[in-house]
């Protein structure tokens, strides 16, 4: 199957009313691919439950030309990345509701990890300064700053990352052809130079109110942790924090003046156990320093352990060497290891088991692996 064509068919399906990422996942699970679903006859099945939307799918696809969908994406310089591809945000890929397809403008690279900075649209000067400062310092550790391009804290976070010569991602609640708010069009252009604008919605989709909570789950899902800088009692940023907890991410909050309405939400998060942030050290006390793992392995270097002790010369030991290059004292998820390691998935799985039995590595909860330093 041509993955390029498959992505175009997925994009075409997402252009059909009432079909979003969740229903696209169900279609892919049943038909095996978007192209199979597109070419199938009007078959309905009880597995879809209330399948009135499936009937709409079969009717609406007659009015949509996948080739024209692809031409529009090319004309508007919108790229596609499917779940399972190397460029797909690696942390988001671990989430059970990860979109099968993302639309993006700009640059995505494999192995990039995010830290989200979110907060009030009605940010105070203090909040904007805090968001910008944190973003500017965090990109020094190679984290991608993730936010939603909204006014206030989001804007300050993106700007701080750019000022720190770092990378930032902006997740949108509508199609990438409709930048919202319009005042951030220039900021969006700058973001695309090194980072990316990302959406699960096709071009032409408006930024409807119901899309913003769904967008927030992508912000938290793409990030190792979520930093909330100013949030009122009822705030979309608190929804992002809720998603972060559900996804097993760390939640951080920046304290503010006790008289500020925009700090009540963050103070409540702190009361409920969020980590207080006054400097980047407070974050790295909970999260590892991150350095793009691709820079750790050079093709012309002789494979070796951290202590540069050769492991062996037979084929099994060569596989061990390759796997161990990517492991350290910082937990690494098996999905990310599989995406980065050149070995086939079955050899990685076998190698991990052998390395555990040999006392070289430890499996942590959630299929994360670290080197065993107990010996």
Protein backbone atom coordinates (compact mmCIF):
# COMPACT_ATOMS: atom_id res chain seq x y z
CA UNK A 1 0.00 0.00 0.00
CA UNK A 2 1.27 3.45 -0.94
CA UNK A 3 1.32 5.34 2.37
CA UNK A 4 1.18 8.66 0.52
CA UNK A 5 -2.07 7.68 -1.17
CA UNK A 6 -3.41 6.19 2.06
CA UNK A 7 -2.89 9.52 3.83
CA UNK A 8 -4.77 11.34 1.07
CA UNK A 9 -7.71 8.95 1.51
CA UNK A 10 -7.64 9.57 5.27
CA UNK A 11 -7.66 13.30 4.62
CA UNK A 12 -10.59 12.86 2.23
CA UNK A 13 -12.57 10.95 4.88
CA UNK A 14 -11.94 13.71 7.42
CA UNK A 15 -13.53 16.14 4.95
CA UNK A 16 -16.85 14.32 5.41
CA UNK A 17 -19.24 15.92 7.93
CA UNK A 18 -19.62 14.11 11.27
CA UNK A 19 -16.39 12.17 10.83
CA UNK A 20 -13.43 13.10 12.98
CA UNK A 21 -10.42 11.25 14.33
CA UNK A 22 -12.42 8.89 16.55
CA UNK A 23 -14.69 7.67 13.77
CA UNK A 24 -11.78 7.51 11.35
CA UNK A 25 -10.07 5.11 13.78
CA UNK A 26 -13.17 2.90 13.76
CA UNK A 27 -13.29 2.93 9.97
CA UNK A 28 -9.62 1.98 9.73
CA UNK A 29 -10.03 -0.79 12.29
CA UNK A 30 -12.92 -2.35 10.34
CA UNK A 31 -11.77 -1.87 6.73
CA UNK A 32 -8.01 -2.10 7.30
CA UNK A 33 -7.24 1.12 5.45
CA UNK A 34 -8.85 4.36 4.37
CA UNK A 35 -8.47 3.38 0.73
CA UNK A 36 -10.33 0.10 1.33
CA UNK A 37 -13.12 2.00 3.06
CA UNK A 38 -13.33 4.53 0.25
CA UNK A 39 -13.58 1.83 -2.39
CA UNK A 40 -15.96 -0.43 -0.42
CA UNK A 41 -19.60 -0.81 -1.26
CA UNK A 42 -22.18 0.55 1.16
CA UNK A 43 -21.64 -2.22 3.66
CA UNK A 44 -22.91 -1.60 7.16
CA UNK A 45 -22.28 -3.67 10.23
CA UNK A 46 -23.52 -3.90 13.80
CA UNK A 47 -20.00 -3.22 15.12
CA UNK A 48 -20.52 0.46 14.35
CA UNK A 49 -23.57 0.64 16.67
CA UNK A 50 -25.57 3.73 15.73
CA UNK A 51 -24.27 3.83 12.18
CA UNK A 52 -26.29 6.70 10.74
CA UNK A 53 -23.02 8.57 10.33
CA UNK A 54 -21.66 5.62 8.32
CA UNK A 55 -24.54 6.00 5.91
CA UNK A 56 -23.61 9.66 5.56
CA UNK A 57 -20.05 8.55 4.81
CA UNK A 58 -21.07 6.38 1.87
CA UNK A 59 -23.27 9.13 0.49
CA UNK A 60 -20.84 12.01 1.02
CA UNK A 61 -17.80 10.27 -0.47
CA UNK A 62 -19.46 10.41 -3.88
CA UNK A 63 -19.16 14.21 -3.74
CA UNK A 64 -15.50 14.29 -2.72
CA UNK A 65 -12.55 13.65 -5.03
CA UNK A 66 -9.47 12.46 -3.09
CA UNK A 67 -7.23 13.71 -5.90
CA UNK A 68 -8.61 17.24 -5.50
CA UNK A 69 -8.12 16.94 -1.72
CA UNK A 70 -4.45 16.14 -2.34
CA UNK A 71 -4.06 19.02 -4.79
CA UNK A 72 -5.55 21.46 -2.29
CA UNK A 73 -3.16 20.30 0.42
CA UNK A 74 -0.23 20.72 -1.96
CA UNK A 75 -1.44 24.15 -3.05
CA UNK A 76 -1.73 25.33 0.55
CA UNK A 77 1.61 23.74 1.51
CA UNK A 78 0.01 21.45 4.10
CA UNK A 79 1.80 18.20 4.89
CA UNK A 80 0.36 14.99 6.33
CA UNK A 81 1.81 12.64 8.94
CA UNK A 82 0.14 9.36 9.88
CA UNK A 83 0.24 7.61 13.22
CA UNK A 84 3.19 5.23 13.11
CA UNK A 85 5.42 7.42 10.95
CA UNK A 86 8.73 8.66 12.35
CA UNK A 87 7.76 12.34 12.21
CA UNK A 88 4.57 11.82 14.21
CA UNK A 89 4.98 13.43 17.69
CA UNK A 90 6.40 10.51 19.65
CA UNK A 91 4.64 11.17 22.96
CA UNK A 92 1.28 11.74 21.30
CA UNK A 93 1.70 8.41 19.51
CA UNK A 94 1.59 6.68 22.91
CA UNK A 95 -1.93 8.01 23.64
CA UNK A 96 -4.83 5.61 22.97
CA UNK A 97 -6.82 8.33 21.18
CA UNK A 98 -3.96 9.63 19.05
CA UNK A 99 -5.35 10.91 15.71
CA UNK A 100 -4.66 8.53 12.81
CA UNK A 101 -3.68 11.59 10.74
CA UNK A 102 -2.30 15.04 11.48
CA UNK A 103 -2.16 18.03 9.14
CA UNK A 104 0.85 20.29 9.61
CA UNK A 105 2.73 23.23 8.17
CA UNK A 106 6.39 23.63 8.93
CA UNK A 107 8.93 21.11 10.17
CA UNK A 108 8.49 17.91 12.19
CA UNK A 109 11.41 15.68 13.11
CA UNK A 110 11.45 12.29 14.73
CA UNK A 111 12.09 11.92 18.44
CA UNK A 112 11.05 15.43 19.48
CA UNK A 113 9.49 15.77 22.94
CA UNK A 114 7.33 18.63 24.08
CA UNK A 115 6.64 20.64 27.19
CA UNK A 116 3.32 22.48 27.13
CA UNK A 117 2.87 26.01 28.41
CA UNK A 118 -0.75 27.14 28.57
CA UNK A 119 -2.81 29.75 30.39
CA UNK A 120 -5.25 32.58 30.30
CA UNK A 121 -6.07 34.55 27.16
CA UNK A 122 -6.52 37.56 29.48
CA UNK A 123 -3.00 37.28 30.78
CA UNK A 124 -1.43 39.90 32.99
CA UNK A 125 2.02 41.36 32.22
CA UNK A 126 3.37 39.13 35.00
CA UNK A 127 1.88 36.00 33.40
CA UNK A 128 3.19 36.85 29.94
CA UNK A 129 6.65 37.53 31.32
CA UNK A 130 6.65 34.23 33.24
CA UNK A 131 5.51 32.21 30.21
CA UNK A 132 8.08 33.83 27.93
CA UNK A 133 10.89 33.35 30.46
CA UNK A 134 10.12 29.68 31.04
CA UNK A 135 9.81 28.92 27.32
CA UNK A 136 13.05 30.73 26.54
CA UNK A 137 14.98 28.76 29.17
CA UNK A 138 13.35 25.37 28.55
CA UNK A 139 14.28 25.26 24.86
CA UNK A 140 17.91 25.30 25.98
CA UNK A 141 17.33 21.68 27.03
CA UNK A 142 15.96 20.78 23.57
CA UNK A 143 12.32 20.49 24.60
CA UNK A 144 9.76 21.68 22.07
CA UNK A 145 7.43 24.28 23.56
CA UNK A 146 3.83 23.25 22.84
CA UNK A 147 0.83 25.56 23.04
CA UNK A 148 -2.31 26.65 21.21
CA UNK A 149 -1.50 29.99 19.49
CA UNK A 150 -4.20 31.76 21.55
CA UNK A 151 -3.88 35.27 22.89
CA UNK A 152 -2.13 35.81 26.20
CA UNK A 153 -0.05 33.02 27.71
CA UNK A 154 0.03 30.86 24.56
CA UNK A 155 1.38 33.73 22.48
CA UNK A 156 4.00 34.60 25.11
CA UNK A 157 5.14 30.95 25.28
CA UNK A 158 5.58 30.68 21.51
CA UNK A 159 7.44 34.01 21.42
CA UNK A 160 9.72 32.99 24.29
CA UNK A 161 10.68 29.76 22.53
CA UNK A 162 11.48 31.69 19.35
CA UNK A 163 13.55 34.27 21.27
CA UNK A 164 15.49 31.37 22.79
CA UNK A 165 16.21 30.06 19.27
CA UNK A 166 14.16 26.98 20.04
CA UNK A 167 11.35 25.04 18.44
CA UNK A 168 7.66 25.44 19.18
CA UNK A 169 4.48 23.69 18.02
CA UNK A 170 1.07 25.35 17.84
CA UNK A 171 -1.97 23.06 17.83
CA UNK A 172 -5.02 24.63 16.20
CA UNK A 173 -8.73 23.92 16.77
CA UNK A 174 -9.56 24.25 13.07
CA UNK A 175 -8.02 23.92 9.64
CA UNK A 176 -4.53 25.27 9.02
CA UNK A 177 -5.87 27.65 6.39
CA UNK A 178 -7.62 29.65 9.11
CA UNK A 179 -5.21 31.11 11.66
CA UNK A 180 -7.03 32.13 14.84
CA UNK A 181 -6.68 34.74 16.18
CA UNK A 182 -5.84 36.63 13.00
CA UNK A 183 -3.45 38.89 14.92
CA UNK A 184 -1.09 35.90 15.25
CA UNK A 185 -0.65 35.29 11.53
CA UNK A 186 2.89 36.69 11.57
CA UNK A 187 3.74 34.65 14.66
CA UNK A 188 2.43 31.54 12.90
CA UNK A 189 4.75 32.20 9.95
CA UNK A 190 7.75 32.46 12.26
CA UNK A 191 6.77 29.26 14.10
CA UNK A 192 6.75 27.34 10.80
CA UNK A 193 10.38 28.22 10.05
CA UNK A 194 11.69 25.70 12.61
CA UNK A 195 8.58 24.29 14.27
CA UNK A 196 5.08 23.52 13.11
CA UNK A 197 1.41 24.41 13.09
CA UNK A 198 -0.51 21.17 13.67
CA UNK A 199 -4.17 20.17 13.51
CA UNK A 200 -6.30 17.05 13.33
CA UNK A 201 -8.79 19.01 11.21
CA UNK A 202 -8.61 19.41 7.41
CA UNK A 203 -8.37 22.83 5.74
CA UNK A 204 -11.72 24.54 5.53
CA UNK A 205 -12.77 23.36 9.00
CA UNK A 206 -13.67 26.33 11.23
CA UNK A 207 -12.37 26.62 14.79
CA UNK A 208 -15.64 25.67 16.48
CA UNK A 209 -16.06 25.86 20.26
CA UNK A 210 -16.25 22.08 20.64
CA UNK A 211 -12.89 21.66 18.92
CA UNK A 212 -10.90 23.50 21.60
CA UNK A 213 -11.15 20.83 24.34
CA UNK A 214 -10.23 18.19 21.73
CA UNK A 215 -7.28 20.35 20.67
CA UNK A 216 -6.17 20.61 24.31
CA UNK A 217 -5.79 16.83 24.60
CA UNK A 218 -3.27 16.97 21.73
CA UNK A 219 -1.29 19.71 23.47
CA UNK A 220 -0.98 17.65 26.65
CA UNK A 221 -0.54 14.36 24.80
CA UNK A 222 2.42 15.73 22.84
CA UNK A 223 4.13 16.91 26.01
CA UNK A 224 6.10 15.36 28.83
CA UNK A 225 4.39 17.81 31.19
CA UNK A 226 1.97 20.75 31.19
CA UNK A 227 2.87 24.09 32.80
CA UNK A 228 -0.14 26.25 33.61
CA UNK A 229 0.71 29.95 33.85
CA UNK A 230 -2.31 31.95 35.02
CA UNK A 231 -5.76 30.42 34.80
CA UNK A 232 -9.05 31.70 36.13
CA UNK A 233 -11.38 29.51 38.15
CA UNK A 234 -13.01 28.20 34.98
CA UNK A 235 -10.44 28.02 32.24
CA UNK A 236 -9.65 25.91 29.20
CA UNK A 237 -6.15 25.56 30.59
CA UNK A 238 -7.56 23.55 33.48
CA UNK A 239 -9.12 21.19 30.92
CA UNK A 240 -5.64 20.72 29.46
CA UNK A 241 -4.35 19.93 32.97
CA UNK A 242 -7.12 17.32 33.39
CA UNK A 243 -6.14 15.69 30.10
CA UNK A 244 -2.50 15.70 31.23
CA UNK A 245 -3.38 13.76 34.39
CA UNK A 246 -5.42 11.23 32.40
CA UNK A 247 -2.50 10.77 30.00
CA UNK A 248 0.02 10.29 32.80
CA UNK A 249 1.77 13.62 32.25
CA UNK A 250 3.17 15.87 34.96
CA UNK A 251 1.21 19.01 35.83
CA UNK A 252 3.00 22.17 36.92
CA UNK A 253 1.62 25.55 37.99
CA UNK A 254 3.16 28.99 38.34
CA UNK A 255 1.99 30.83 41.48
CA UNK A 256 0.66 34.38 41.15
CA UNK A 257 -0.59 37.23 43.34
CA UNK A 258 -3.25 36.09 45.80
CA UNK A 259 -5.52 38.94 44.71
CA UNK A 260 -5.38 38.08 41.01
CA UNK A 261 -8.44 36.46 39.42
CA UNK A 262 -6.15 34.98 36.77
CA UNK A 263 -4.22 33.04 39.42
CA UNK A 264 -7.13 31.33 41.18
CA UNK A 265 -7.09 28.37 38.86
CA UNK A 266 -3.33 27.84 39.17
CA UNK A 267 -3.51 28.15 42.95
CA UNK A 268 -6.21 25.48 43.03
CA UNK A 269 -3.96 23.23 40.96
CA UNK A 270 -1.18 23.74 43.51
CA UNK A 271 -3.57 22.83 46.34
CA UNK A 272 -4.45 19.64 44.49
CA UNK A 273 -0.82 18.59 44.13
CA UNK A 274 0.51 20.27 41.00
CA UNK A 275 4.24 20.99 41.13
CA UNK A 276 5.08 24.61 41.88
CA UNK A 277 7.26 26.28 39.24
CA UNK A 278 9.41 29.30 39.92
CA UNK A 279 12.33 28.35 37.65
CA UNK A 280 13.18 25.60 35.18
CA UNK A 281 14.97 23.63 37.90
CA UNK A 282 11.57 22.97 39.50
CA UNK A 283 10.52 21.25 36.28
CA UNK A 284 13.66 19.19 35.81
CA UNK A 285 13.36 18.02 39.40
CA UNK A 286 10.40 16.01 38.08
CA UNK A 287 11.39 15.51 34.44
CA UNK A 288 14.69 14.52 32.85
CA UNK A 289 16.80 16.91 30.89
CA UNK A 290 16.04 16.08 27.28
CA UNK A 291 18.48 16.01 24.43
CA UNK A 292 17.43 14.90 20.96
CA UNK A 293 18.44 11.26 20.93
CA UNK A 294 19.44 11.38 17.27
CA UNK A 295 22.50 13.42 18.19
CA UNK A 296 23.63 10.73 20.62
CA UNK A 297 24.46 8.15 17.95
CA UNK A 298 26.88 8.94 15.13
CA UNK A 299 27.16 6.55 12.25
CA UNK A 300 30.96 6.70 12.17
CA UNK A 301 31.40 5.93 15.88
CA UNK A 302 32.18 2.46 17.15
CA UNK A 303 29.15 1.19 19.11
CA UNK A 304 29.85 1.05 22.82
CA UNK A 305 28.26 1.27 26.25
CA UNK A 306 28.41 4.39 28.43
CA UNK A 307 31.65 3.04 29.90
CA UNK A 308 32.90 2.24 26.34
CA UNK A 309 33.29 -1.46 27.15
CA UNK A 310 32.65 -3.63 24.07
CA UNK A 311 29.85 -6.14 24.60
CA UNK A 312 30.70 -8.85 22.12
CA UNK A 313 31.15 -9.83 18.51
CA UNK A 314 28.37 -12.30 17.66
CA UNK A 315 25.12 -11.25 16.00
CA UNK A 316 23.11 -11.25 19.22
CA UNK A 317 25.62 -9.01 20.95
CA UNK A 318 25.60 -6.63 17.97
CA UNK A 319 21.86 -6.24 18.42
CA UNK A 320 22.40 -5.64 22.12
CA UNK A 321 24.92 -2.91 21.31
CA UNK A 322 22.50 -1.19 18.97
CA UNK A 323 19.65 -1.25 21.51
CA UNK A 324 21.87 -0.10 24.38
CA UNK A 325 22.98 2.97 22.42
CA UNK A 326 19.49 4.38 22.89
CA UNK A 327 19.07 3.54 26.57
CA UNK A 328 20.32 5.51 29.54
CA UNK A 329 19.26 6.32 33.11
CA UNK A 330 16.22 8.13 31.68
CA UNK A 331 13.14 5.96 30.99
CA UNK A 332 12.54 5.36 27.27
CA UNK A 333 9.20 4.00 26.00
CA UNK A 334 9.30 0.95 23.74
CA UNK A 335 7.35 2.77 21.00
CA UNK A 336 9.92 5.54 20.87
CA UNK A 337 12.75 3.00 20.93
CA UNK A 338 11.15 1.14 18.01
CA UNK A 339 10.80 4.40 16.06
CA UNK A 340 14.44 5.35 16.60
CA UNK A 341 16.22 2.00 16.49
CA UNK A 342 17.10 0.60 13.02
CA UNK A 343 16.39 -3.01 14.07
CA UNK A 344 13.09 -4.73 13.18
CA UNK A 345 10.45 -4.58 15.93
CA UNK A 346 10.64 -8.34 16.68
CA UNK A 347 14.42 -8.15 17.16
CA UNK A 348 14.02 -5.17 19.50
CA UNK A 349 11.43 -7.04 21.58
CA UNK A 350 13.68 -10.13 21.76
CA UNK A 351 16.73 -8.01 22.55
CA UNK A 352 14.97 -6.21 25.37
CA UNK A 353 13.99 -9.53 26.94
CA UNK A 354 17.54 -10.89 26.63
CA UNK A 355 19.02 -7.71 28.08
CA UNK A 356 16.66 -7.91 31.05
CA UNK A 357 17.62 -11.55 31.69
CA UNK A 358 21.29 -10.58 31.41
CA UNK A 359 20.85 -7.85 34.03
CA UNK A 360 21.76 -5.08 31.60
CA UNK A 361 18.45 -3.18 31.67
CA UNK A 362 15.32 -2.81 33.80
CA UNK A 363 11.73 -2.61 32.55
CA UNK A 364 9.85 0.21 34.27
CA UNK A 365 6.03 0.56 34.45
CA UNK A 366 4.32 1.43 31.17
CA UNK A 367 6.91 -0.39 29.00
CA UNK A 368 9.70 2.09 29.71
CA UNK A 369 13.30 0.87 29.87
CA UNK A 370 16.46 2.09 31.65
CA UNK A 371 19.99 0.79 32.10
CA UNK A 372 20.52 -1.36 35.19
CA UNK A 373 23.11 0.45 37.34
CA UNK A 374 22.74 -1.79 40.36
CA UNK A 375 25.73 -3.96 39.48
